[in-house]
């Protein structure tokens, strides 16, 4: 999948000197519609479950142990009022939980960061990690990936008043934040080798550093930067269009797990029946002004 043309146009427009937002900022997810979509998701039959050791283990336990995040506005955000996590990643996790256990709420949540995602799988602390998790050869040496279920590229976030940085080409000599353990450091080494890179453990720490003026720019997945803009503070903008290689997001599973085939079959099912598109529209499209639903990436 490539980023939808509508979202690309939004990014380019947002990068103009005015920094004026062109989509509805701070629009919360439609919680009722999200919950209803999960509740209507498909449920696997007994034969489908028994065909997978990974799924059978979860079925027997009665709980899916999920590694994820709860601070990503568009992908996985905790609503402190009702205690529920919603967003694109959260929706996929809950739909998969329902597919296996018949109830999307039967998951046990473990907070992960870019630096801990492989380790919680290696240590058998979780059954899967679903957290805008880029598929890379280095990670695939330690764990297995289902998917991809989404793709992104890199983006540059700056303060809305910053006119000096128009794209990644302007990062030389600039203090540039990225997340430790993410693909950000490698992207910067390739596309902005003269940037002064500062690595932070979490997305929020990098955003805070930018807002506080401790760094000049923040480079990470474009979709995570959309989170910042969708929150509606109006103090940041994207500098230039997304860049770099397509970044496929996968679902992390234990190394060699037969859960890969099971999860890929699930993804194909929800893509074919329209659930994937409905979830994207609820979690991202309606909240970023895009009506052009992207095509899901091809699955193995």
C-alpha atoms as a PDB file:
ATOM      1  CA  UNK A   1       0.000   0.000   0.000  1.00  0.00           C
ATOM      2  CA  UNK A   2       1.117   3.526  -0.653  1.00  0.00           C
ATOM      3  CA  UNK A   3      -0.030   6.474   1.403  1.00  0.00           C
ATOM      4  CA  UNK A   4      -3.303   7.748   0.040  1.00  0.00           C
ATOM      5  CA  UNK A   5      -3.100  10.671  -2.319  1.00  0.00           C
ATOM      6  CA  UNK A   6      -5.513  12.611  -0.151  1.00  0.00           C
ATOM      7  CA  UNK A   7      -3.296  12.285   2.911  1.00  0.00           C
ATOM      8  CA  UNK A   8      -0.228  13.200   0.875  1.00  0.00           C
ATOM      9  CA  UNK A   9      -1.976  16.327  -0.296  1.00  0.00           C
ATOM     10  CA  UNK A  10      -2.827  17.147   3.293  1.00  0.00           C
ATOM     11  CA  UNK A  11       0.795  16.796   4.327  1.00  0.00           C
ATOM     12  CA  UNK A  12       2.041  19.025   1.536  1.00  0.00           C
ATOM     13  CA  UNK A  13      -0.570  21.632   2.329  1.00  0.00           C
ATOM     14  CA  UNK A  14       0.307  21.550   6.007  1.00  0.00           C
ATOM     15  CA  UNK A  15       3.928  22.200   5.202  1.00  0.00           C
ATOM     16  CA  UNK A  16       3.300  25.664   3.839  1.00  0.00           C
ATOM     17  CA  UNK A  17       4.745  28.577   5.756  1.00  0.00           C
ATOM     18  CA  UNK A  18       1.469  29.404   7.456  1.00  0.00           C
ATOM     19  CA  UNK A  19       1.283  25.989   9.034  1.00  0.00           C
ATOM     20  CA  UNK A  20      -2.509  26.288   8.851  1.00  0.00           C
ATOM     21  CA  UNK A  21      -4.254  22.983   9.519  1.00  0.00           C
ATOM     22  CA  UNK A  22      -6.535  21.801   6.734  1.00  0.00           C
ATOM     23  CA  UNK A  23      -8.215  18.930   8.546  1.00  0.00           C
ATOM     24  CA  UNK A  24     -10.422  18.791  11.609  1.00  0.00           C
ATOM     25  CA  UNK A  25      -8.043  19.054  14.530  1.00  0.00           C
ATOM     26  CA  UNK A  26      -8.659  17.392  17.844  1.00  0.00           C
ATOM     27  CA  UNK A  27     -11.529  15.299  16.462  1.00  0.00           C
ATOM     28  CA  UNK A  28     -12.064  12.397  18.862  1.00  0.00           C
ATOM     29  CA  UNK A  29     -12.733   8.927  17.566  1.00  0.00           C
ATOM     30  CA  UNK A  30     -16.386   7.949  17.314  1.00  0.00           C
ATOM     31  CA  UNK A  31     -16.271   5.619  20.322  1.00  0.00           C
ATOM     32  CA  UNK A  32     -19.715   4.136  19.820  1.00  0.00           C
ATOM     33  CA  UNK A  33     -19.060   3.325  16.162  1.00  0.00           C
ATOM     34  CA  UNK A  34     -15.613   1.906  17.009  1.00  0.00           C
ATOM     35  CA  UNK A  35     -16.994  -0.345  19.749  1.00  0.00           C
ATOM     36  CA  UNK A  36     -19.818  -1.479  17.466  1.00  0.00           C
ATOM     37  CA  UNK A  37     -17.381  -2.359  14.679  1.00  0.00           C
ATOM     38  CA  UNK A  38     -15.313  -4.516  17.040  1.00  0.00           C
ATOM     39  CA  UNK A  39     -18.452  -6.165  18.404  1.00  0.00           C
ATOM     40  CA  UNK A  40     -19.521  -7.079  14.870  1.00  0.00           C
ATOM     41  CA  UNK A  41     -16.150  -8.549  13.902  1.00  0.00           C
ATOM     42  CA  UNK A  42     -15.841 -12.142  12.677  1.00  0.00           C
ATOM     43  CA  UNK A  43     -15.329 -15.061  15.071  1.00  0.00           C
ATOM     44  CA  UNK A  44     -13.244 -18.068  14.063  1.00  0.00           C
ATOM     45  CA  UNK A  45     -14.791 -21.531  14.209  1.00  0.00           C
ATOM     46  CA  UNK A  46     -13.308 -24.326  16.306  1.00  0.00           C
ATOM     47  CA  UNK A  47     -11.538 -25.932  13.351  1.00  0.00           C
ATOM     48  CA  UNK A  48      -9.782 -22.682  12.447  1.00  0.00           C
ATOM     49  CA  UNK A  49      -8.601 -22.209  16.033  1.00  0.00           C
ATOM     50  CA  UNK A  50      -7.407 -25.805  16.410  1.00  0.00           C
ATOM     51  CA  UNK A  51      -5.360 -25.517  13.216  1.00  0.00           C
ATOM     52  CA  UNK A  52      -2.996 -23.105  14.997  1.00  0.00           C
ATOM     53  CA  UNK A  53      -0.981 -23.886  18.127  1.00  0.00           C
ATOM     54  CA  UNK A  54      -0.620 -20.148  18.756  1.00  0.00           C
ATOM     55  CA  UNK A  55      -4.366 -19.487  18.611  1.00  0.00           C
ATOM     56  CA  UNK A  56      -5.181 -22.662  20.551  1.00  0.00           C
ATOM     57  CA  UNK A  57      -2.920 -21.552  23.410  1.00  0.00           C
ATOM     58  CA  UNK A  58      -4.726 -18.204  23.589  1.00  0.00           C
ATOM     59  CA  UNK A  59      -8.133 -19.897  23.411  1.00  0.00           C
ATOM     60  CA  UNK A  60      -7.216 -22.221  26.252  1.00  0.00           C
ATOM     61  CA  UNK A  61      -5.897 -19.350  28.365  1.00  0.00           C
ATOM     62  CA  UNK A  62      -9.050 -17.321  27.753  1.00  0.00           C
ATOM     63  CA  UNK A  63      -7.003 -14.145  27.351  1.00  0.00           C
ATOM     64  CA  UNK A  64      -4.800 -12.685  24.614  1.00  0.00           C
ATOM     65  CA  UNK A  65      -1.670 -11.090  26.037  1.00  0.00           C
ATOM     66  CA  UNK A  66      -1.183  -7.921  23.981  1.00  0.00           C
ATOM     67  CA  UNK A  67       1.879  -5.709  23.800  1.00  0.00           C
ATOM     68  CA  UNK A  68       0.885  -2.240  22.659  1.00  0.00           C
ATOM     69  CA  UNK A  69       0.786   1.464  23.379  1.00  0.00           C
ATOM     70  CA  UNK A  70      -1.929   3.720  24.774  1.00  0.00           C
ATOM     71  CA  UNK A  71      -0.671   7.212  23.911  1.00  0.00           C
ATOM     72  CA  UNK A  72      -0.943   7.169  20.094  1.00  0.00           C
ATOM     73  CA  UNK A  73      -3.920   9.368  19.240  1.00  0.00           C
ATOM     74  CA  UNK A  74      -4.836   7.773  15.914  1.00  0.00           C
ATOM     75  CA  UNK A  75      -3.526   4.272  16.505  1.00  0.00           C
ATOM     76  CA  UNK A  76      -3.928   3.318  20.149  1.00  0.00           C
ATOM     77  CA  UNK A  77      -5.143   5.819  22.749  1.00  0.00           C
ATOM     78  CA  UNK A  78      -6.459   5.166  26.243  1.00  0.00           C
ATOM     79  CA  UNK A  79      -9.724   6.893  27.106  1.00  0.00           C
ATOM     80  CA  UNK A  80      -9.302   7.521  30.818  1.00  0.00           C
ATOM     81  CA  UNK A  81     -13.048   8.068  31.280  1.00  0.00           C
ATOM     82  CA  UNK A  82     -14.112   4.584  30.247  1.00  0.00           C
ATOM     83  CA  UNK A  83     -10.735   2.800  30.466  1.00  0.00           C
ATOM     84  CA  UNK A  84     -10.875   1.617  26.846  1.00  0.00           C
ATOM     85  CA  UNK A  85      -8.125   1.824  24.224  1.00  0.00           C
ATOM     86  CA  UNK A  86      -9.184   2.860  20.714  1.00  0.00           C
ATOM     87  CA  UNK A  87      -7.471   3.579  17.409  1.00  0.00           C
ATOM     88  CA  UNK A  88      -6.385   1.723  14.285  1.00  0.00           C
ATOM     89  CA  UNK A  89      -3.903  -0.632  15.976  1.00  0.00           C
ATOM     90  CA  UNK A  90      -6.155  -1.037  19.002  1.00  0.00           C
ATOM     91  CA  UNK A  91      -9.054  -1.920  16.736  1.00  0.00           C
ATOM     92  CA  UNK A  92      -7.068  -4.600  14.923  1.00  0.00           C
ATOM     93  CA  UNK A  93      -5.919  -6.062  18.255  1.00  0.00           C
ATOM     94  CA  UNK A  94      -9.463  -6.153  19.616  1.00  0.00           C
ATOM     95  CA  UNK A  95     -10.865  -7.594  16.396  1.00  0.00           C
ATOM     96  CA  UNK A  96      -8.231 -10.346  16.513  1.00  0.00           C
ATOM     97  CA  UNK A  97      -9.043 -10.962  20.184  1.00  0.00           C
ATOM     98  CA  UNK A  98     -12.703 -11.323  19.238  1.00  0.00           C
ATOM     99  CA  UNK A  99     -11.775 -13.595  16.323  1.00  0.00           C
ATOM    100  CA  UNK A 100     -10.061 -16.013  18.714  1.00  0.00           C
ATOM    101  CA  UNK A 101     -12.028 -15.600  21.953  1.00  0.00           C
ATOM    102  CA  UNK A 102     -15.417 -14.306  20.813  1.00  0.00           C
ATOM    103  CA  UNK A 103     -15.042 -11.110  22.840  1.00  0.00           C
ATOM    104  CA  UNK A 104     -12.820  -8.170  21.834  1.00  0.00           C
ATOM    105  CA  UNK A 105     -12.247  -7.142  25.451  1.00  0.00           C
ATOM    106  CA  UNK A 106     -10.570 -10.379  26.533  1.00  0.00           C
ATOM    107  CA  UNK A 107      -7.008  -9.124  26.259  1.00  0.00           C
ATOM    108  CA  UNK A 108      -4.345  -8.391  28.864  1.00  0.00           C
ATOM    109  CA  UNK A 109      -2.451  -5.213  27.985  1.00  0.00           C
ATOM    110  CA  UNK A 110       1.296  -4.672  28.422  1.00  0.00           C
ATOM    111  CA  UNK A 111       2.791  -1.275  27.598  1.00  0.00           C
ATOM    112  CA  UNK A 112       5.740  -1.511  25.199  1.00  0.00           C
ATOM    113  CA  UNK A 113       8.203   0.983  23.720  1.00  0.00           C
ATOM    114  CA  UNK A 114      10.312   0.901  20.562  1.00  0.00           C
ATOM    115  CA  UNK A 115      13.139  -0.559  22.655  1.00  0.00           C
ATOM    116  CA  UNK A 116      11.181  -3.330  24.430  1.00  0.00           C
ATOM    117  CA  UNK A 117       8.968  -4.803  21.717  1.00  0.00           C
ATOM    118  CA  UNK A 118      11.229  -7.718  20.770  1.00  0.00           C
ATOM    119  CA  UNK A 119      12.150  -8.519  24.337  1.00  0.00           C
ATOM    120  CA  UNK A 120       8.591  -9.015  25.613  1.00  0.00           C
ATOM    121  CA  UNK A 121       8.054 -11.548  22.827  1.00  0.00           C
ATOM    122  CA  UNK A 122      11.375 -13.319  23.403  1.00  0.00           C
ATOM    123  CA  UNK A 123      10.597 -13.504  27.146  1.00  0.00           C
ATOM    124  CA  UNK A 124       7.069 -14.860  26.491  1.00  0.00           C
ATOM    125  CA  UNK A 125       5.490 -11.928  28.325  1.00  0.00           C
ATOM    126  CA  UNK A 126       2.996 -11.328  25.503  1.00  0.00           C
ATOM    127  CA  UNK A 127       1.420 -13.334  22.688  1.00  0.00           C
ATOM    128  CA  UNK A 128       1.770 -10.533  20.156  1.00  0.00           C
ATOM    129  CA  UNK A 129       2.864  -6.918  19.735  1.00  0.00           C
ATOM    130  CA  UNK A 130       0.699  -4.544  17.717  1.00  0.00           C
ATOM    131  CA  UNK A 131       2.184  -1.060  17.952  1.00  0.00           C
ATOM    132  CA  UNK A 132       3.016   0.630  14.601  1.00  0.00           C
ATOM    133  CA  UNK A 133       5.782  -1.983  14.500  1.00  0.00           C
ATOM    134  CA  UNK A 134       7.973  -1.646  11.407  1.00  0.00           C
ATOM    135  CA  UNK A 135       9.082  -4.914   9.810  1.00  0.00           C
ATOM    136  CA  UNK A 136      12.882  -4.933   9.503  1.00  0.00           C
ATOM    137  CA  UNK A 137      15.427  -7.713   8.799  1.00  0.00           C
ATOM    138  CA  UNK A 138      17.147  -7.108  12.157  1.00  0.00           C
ATOM    139  CA  UNK A 139      13.915  -7.522  14.095  1.00  0.00           C
ATOM    140  CA  UNK A 140      12.925 -10.540  12.006  1.00  0.00           C
ATOM    141  CA  UNK A 141      16.040 -12.305  13.274  1.00  0.00           C
ATOM    142  CA  UNK A 142      14.567 -12.303  16.784  1.00  0.00           C
ATOM    143  CA  UNK A 143      10.811 -12.562  16.187  1.00  0.00           C
ATOM    144  CA  UNK A 144       8.309 -13.342  13.443  1.00  0.00           C
ATOM    145  CA  UNK A 145       5.953 -10.875  11.782  1.00  0.00           C
ATOM    146  CA  UNK A 146       2.442 -11.267  10.461  1.00  0.00           C
ATOM    147  CA  UNK A 147       1.330  -8.678   7.941  1.00  0.00           C
ATOM    148  CA  UNK A 148       2.033  -6.077   6.813  1.00  0.00           C
ATOM    149  CA  UNK A 149      -1.299  -4.517   7.725  1.00  0.00           C
ATOM    150  CA  UNK A 150      -0.323  -0.889   6.958  1.00  0.00           C
ATOM    151  CA  UNK A 151       2.565   1.072   5.466  1.00  0.00           C
ATOM    152  CA  UNK A 152       4.047   4.475   6.143  1.00  0.00           C
ATOM    153  CA  UNK A 153       7.160   6.552   5.400  1.00  0.00           C
ATOM    154  CA  UNK A 154       9.256   8.981   7.422  1.00  0.00           C
ATOM    155  CA  UNK A 155       8.250  12.568   8.090  1.00  0.00           C
ATOM    156  CA  UNK A 156       9.717  15.712   9.636  1.00  0.00           C
ATOM    157  CA  UNK A 157       7.844  17.595  12.360  1.00  0.00           C
ATOM    158  CA  UNK A 158       8.814  21.149  13.318  1.00  0.00           C
ATOM    159  CA  UNK A 159       7.262  24.012  15.241  1.00  0.00           C
ATOM    160  CA  UNK A 160       4.609  25.850  13.250  1.00  0.00           C
ATOM    161  CA  UNK A 161       6.754  28.999  13.393  1.00  0.00           C
ATOM    162  CA  UNK A 162       9.820  27.297  11.893  1.00  0.00           C
ATOM    163  CA  UNK A 163      10.482  28.534   8.353  1.00  0.00           C
ATOM    164  CA  UNK A 164      14.115  27.370   8.141  1.00  0.00           C
ATOM    165  CA  UNK A 165      13.340  23.663   7.870  1.00  0.00           C
ATOM    166  CA  UNK A 166      11.255  22.914   4.779  1.00  0.00           C
ATOM    167  CA  UNK A 167      12.164  19.225   4.422  1.00  0.00           C
ATOM    168  CA  UNK A 168      14.711  16.639   5.534  1.00  0.00           C
ATOM    169  CA  UNK A 169      17.219  18.399   3.256  1.00  0.00           C
ATOM    170  CA  UNK A 170      17.387  21.225   5.812  1.00  0.00           C
ATOM    171  CA  UNK A 171      18.345  19.113   8.853  1.00  0.00           C
ATOM    172  CA  UNK A 172      22.132  19.449   8.529  1.00  0.00           C
ATOM    173  CA  UNK A 173      23.492  20.877  11.766  1.00  0.00           C
ATOM    174  CA  UNK A 174      20.007  20.886  13.336  1.00  0.00           C
ATOM    175  CA  UNK A 175      19.170  19.130  16.574  1.00  0.00           C
ATOM    176  CA  UNK A 176      16.865  16.356  15.415  1.00  0.00           C
ATOM    177  CA  UNK A 177      14.892  14.064  17.680  1.00  0.00           C
ATOM    178  CA  UNK A 178      13.966  10.469  16.908  1.00  0.00           C
ATOM    179  CA  UNK A 179      12.993   7.379  18.887  1.00  0.00           C
ATOM    180  CA  UNK A 180      15.612   4.955  20.130  1.00  0.00           C
ATOM    181  CA  UNK A 181      14.993   1.471  18.789  1.00  0.00           C
ATOM    182  CA  UNK A 182      12.894   2.771  15.892  1.00  0.00           C
ATOM    183  CA  UNK A 183      13.799   3.048  12.208  1.00  0.00           C
ATOM    184  CA  UNK A 184      14.385   6.791  12.731  1.00  0.00           C
ATOM    185  CA  UNK A 185      18.152   6.673  13.400  1.00  0.00           C
ATOM    186  CA  UNK A 186      18.815   4.669  10.231  1.00  0.00           C
ATOM    187  CA  UNK A 187      16.564   6.928   8.143  1.00  0.00           C
ATOM    188  CA  UNK A 188      18.430   9.999   9.412  1.00  0.00           C
ATOM    189  CA  UNK A 189      21.817   8.391   8.772  1.00  0.00           C
ATOM    190  CA  UNK A 190      20.778   7.829   5.160  1.00  0.00           C
ATOM    191  CA  UNK A 191      18.843  10.983   4.322  1.00  0.00           C
ATOM    192  CA  UNK A 192      20.215  13.576   6.764  1.00  0.00           C
ATOM    193  CA  UNK A 193      23.672  12.344   7.786  1.00  0.00           C
ATOM    194  CA  UNK A 194      24.757  15.789   9.002  1.00  0.00           C
ATOM    195  CA  UNK A 195      21.844  16.202  11.414  1.00  0.00           C
ATOM    196  CA  UNK A 196      22.652  16.269  15.133  1.00  0.00           C
ATOM    197  CA  UNK A 197      20.590  13.316  16.258  1.00  0.00           C
ATOM    198  CA  UNK A 198      19.129  12.998  19.748  1.00  0.00           C
ATOM    199  CA  UNK A 199      17.391   9.720  20.584  1.00  0.00           C
ATOM    200  CA  UNK A 200      14.452   9.565  22.987  1.00  0.00           C
ATOM    201  CA  UNK A 201      12.821   6.475  24.486  1.00  0.00           C
ATOM    202  CA  UNK A 202       9.236   7.422  23.637  1.00  0.00           C
ATOM    203  CA  UNK A 203       7.281   9.347  21.031  1.00  0.00           C
ATOM    204  CA  UNK A 204       5.927  11.723  23.670  1.00  0.00           C
ATOM    205  CA  UNK A 205       9.392  12.579  24.992  1.00  0.00           C
ATOM    206  CA  UNK A 206      10.477  13.527  21.461  1.00  0.00           C
ATOM    207  CA  UNK A 207       7.371  15.655  20.923  1.00  0.00           C
ATOM    208  CA  UNK A 208       7.909  17.390  24.264  1.00  0.00           C
ATOM    209  CA  UNK A 209      11.532  18.137  23.364  1.00  0.00           C
ATOM    210  CA  UNK A 210      10.391  19.771  20.135  1.00  0.00           C
ATOM    211  CA  UNK A 211       7.704  21.850  21.830  1.00  0.00           C
ATOM    212  CA  UNK A 212      10.141  22.945  24.533  1.00  0.00           C
ATOM    213  CA  UNK A 213      12.711  24.011  21.941  1.00  0.00           C
ATOM    214  CA  UNK A 214      15.343  21.476  22.994  1.00  0.00           C
ATOM    215  CA  UNK A 215      15.402  20.120  19.432  1.00  0.00           C
ATOM    216  CA  UNK A 216      14.657  21.734  16.071  1.00  0.00           C
ATOM    217  CA  UNK A 217      12.852  18.830  14.442  1.00  0.00           C
ATOM    218  CA  UNK A 218      11.475  15.366  15.077  1.00  0.00           C
ATOM    219  CA  UNK A 219      11.807  12.589  12.502  1.00  0.00           C
ATOM    220  CA  UNK A 220       9.774   9.406  12.798  1.00  0.00           C
ATOM    221  CA  UNK A 221       6.982   7.509  11.049  1.00  0.00           C
ATOM    222  CA  UNK A 222       4.681   9.875   9.194  1.00  0.00           C
ATOM    223  CA  UNK A 223       1.632   8.255  10.759  1.00  0.00           C
ATOM    224  CA  UNK A 224       2.877   8.997  14.270  1.00  0.00           C
ATOM    225  CA  UNK A 225       3.368  12.633  13.303  1.00  0.00           C
ATOM    226  CA  UNK A 226      -0.231  12.742  12.113  1.00  0.00           C
ATOM    227  CA  UNK A 227      -1.088  11.918  15.724  1.00  0.00           C
ATOM    228  CA  UNK A 228       0.514  15.156  16.875  1.00  0.00           C
ATOM    229  CA  UNK A 229      -1.344  17.222  14.322  1.00  0.00           C
ATOM    230  CA  UNK A 230      -4.671  15.509  14.961  1.00  0.00           C
ATOM    231  CA  UNK A 231      -4.497  16.487  18.626  1.00  0.00           C
ATOM    232  CA  UNK A 232      -5.145  20.047  17.539  1.00  0.00           C
ATOM    233  CA  UNK A 233      -2.571  22.041  19.514  1.00  0.00           C
ATOM    234  CA  UNK A 234      -1.674  23.951  16.357  1.00  0.00           C
ATOM    235  CA  UNK A 235       1.925  24.458  17.459  1.00  0.00           C
ATOM    236  CA  UNK A 236       3.514  21.994  15.017  1.00  0.00           C
ATOM    237  CA  UNK A 237       3.529  21.266  11.293  1.00  0.00           C
ATOM    238  CA  UNK A 238       5.019  18.780   8.875  1.00  0.00           C
ATOM    239  CA  UNK A 239       8.030  20.032   6.937  1.00  0.00           C
ATOM    240  CA  UNK A 240       7.712  18.684   3.420  1.00  0.00           C
ATOM    241  CA  UNK A 241       6.142  15.478   2.174  1.00  0.00           C
ATOM    242  CA  UNK A 242       6.801  11.964   3.531  1.00  0.00           C
ATOM    243  CA  UNK A 243      10.140  10.567   2.395  1.00  0.00           C
ATOM    244  CA  UNK A 244      12.277   7.469   2.380  1.00  0.00           C
ATOM    245  CA  UNK A 245      11.344   3.851   1.790  1.00  0.00           C
ATOM    246  CA  UNK A 246       7.895   2.463   2.384  1.00  0.00           C
ATOM    247  CA  UNK A 247       7.735   1.342   6.004  1.00  0.00           C
ATOM    248  CA  UNK A 248       5.569  -1.765   6.453  1.00  0.00           C
ATOM    249  CA  UNK A 249       3.883  -2.260   9.829  1.00  0.00           C
ATOM    250  CA  UNK A 250       3.661  -5.835  11.081  1.00  0.00           C
ATOM    251  CA  UNK A 251       2.236  -7.728  14.029  1.00  0.00           C
ATOM    252  CA  UNK A 252       5.065  -9.119  16.142  1.00  0.00           C
ATOM    253  CA  UNK A 253       4.808 -12.790  17.127  1.00  0.00           C
ATOM    254  CA  UNK A 254       7.171 -15.290  18.761  1.00  0.00           C
ATOM    255  CA  UNK A 255       9.911 -16.513  16.461  1.00  0.00           C
ATOM    256  CA  UNK A 256       8.723 -19.379  14.273  1.00  0.00           C
ATOM    257  CA  UNK A 257       5.136 -19.150  15.500  1.00  0.00           C
ATOM    258  CA  UNK A 258       2.380 -20.659  13.357  1.00  0.00           C
ATOM    259  CA  UNK A 259       0.424 -17.606  14.449  1.00  0.00           C
ATOM    260  CA  UNK A 260       1.847 -15.839  11.384  1.00  0.00           C
ATOM    261  CA  UNK A 261      -0.337 -17.841   8.995  1.00  0.00           C
ATOM    262  CA  UNK A 262      -3.317 -17.569  11.353  1.00  0.00           C
ATOM    263  CA  UNK A 263      -3.056 -13.784  11.708  1.00  0.00           C
ATOM    264  CA  UNK A 264      -2.459 -13.275   7.985  1.00  0.00           C
ATOM    265  CA  UNK A 265      -5.614 -15.280   7.249  1.00  0.00           C
ATOM    266  CA  UNK A 266      -7.487 -13.073   9.734  1.00  0.00           C
ATOM    267  CA  UNK A 267      -6.161  -9.912   8.067  1.00  0.00           C
ATOM    268  CA  UNK A 268      -7.219 -11.167   4.646  1.00  0.00           C
ATOM    269  CA  UNK A 269     -10.677 -11.879   6.037  1.00  0.00           C
ATOM    270  CA  UNK A 270     -11.244  -8.396   7.506  1.00  0.00           C
ATOM    271  CA  UNK A 271      -9.806  -6.742   4.414  1.00  0.00           C
ATOM    272  CA  UNK A 272     -12.150  -8.726   2.166  1.00  0.00           C
ATOM    273  CA  UNK A 273     -15.284  -8.058   4.229  1.00  0.00           C
ATOM    274  CA  UNK A 274     -14.645  -4.294   4.503  1.00  0.00           C
ATOM    275  CA  UNK A 275     -13.833  -4.212   8.228  1.00  0.00           C
ATOM    276  CA  UNK A 276     -10.275  -2.953   7.604  1.00  0.00           C
ATOM    277  CA  UNK A 277     -11.569  -0.015   5.543  1.00  0.00           C
ATOM    278  CA  UNK A 278     -14.262   0.831   8.098  1.00  0.00           C
ATOM    279  CA  UNK A 279     -11.692   0.802  10.894  1.00  0.00           C
ATOM    280  CA  UNK A 280      -9.300   3.030   8.927  1.00  0.00           C
ATOM    281  CA  UNK A 281     -12.102   5.497   8.246  1.00  0.00           C
ATOM    282  CA  UNK A 282     -13.111   5.648  11.927  1.00  0.00           C
ATOM    283  CA  UNK A 283      -9.617   5.809  13.408  1.00  0.00           C
ATOM    284  CA  UNK A 284      -7.754   7.890  10.818  1.00  0.00           C
ATOM    285  CA  UNK A 285      -9.819   9.048   7.836  1.00  0.00           C
ATOM    286  CA  UNK A 286     -12.590  10.917   9.649  1.00  0.00           C
ATOM    287  CA  UNK A 287     -10.046  12.534  11.960  1.00  0.00           C
ATOM    288  CA  UNK A 288      -7.581  13.740   9.323  1.00  0.00           C
ATOM    289  CA  UNK A 289     -10.003  14.914   6.669  1.00  0.00           C
ATOM    290  CA  UNK A 290      -9.334  12.066   4.237  1.00  0.00           C
ATOM    291  CA  UNK A 291     -12.124  10.241   2.418  1.00  0.00           C
ATOM    292  CA  UNK A 292      -9.731   8.294   0.163  1.00  0.00           C
ATOM    293  CA  UNK A 293      -9.399   4.929   1.897  1.00  0.00           C
ATOM    294  CA  UNK A 294      -5.970   3.429   1.116  1.00  0.00           C
ATOM    295  CA  UNK A 295      -5.549  -0.049  -0.291  1.00  0.00           C
ATOM    296  CA  UNK A 296      -4.195  -2.458   2.334  1.00  0.00           C
ATOM    297  CA  UNK A 297      -0.709  -3.804   1.608  1.00  0.00           C
ATOM    298  CA  UNK A 298      -0.392  -7.182  -0.077  1.00  0.00           C
ATOM    299  CA  UNK A 299      -0.156 -10.121   2.313  1.00  0.00           C
ATOM    300  CA  UNK A 300       1.948 -13.271   1.846  1.00  0.00           C
END
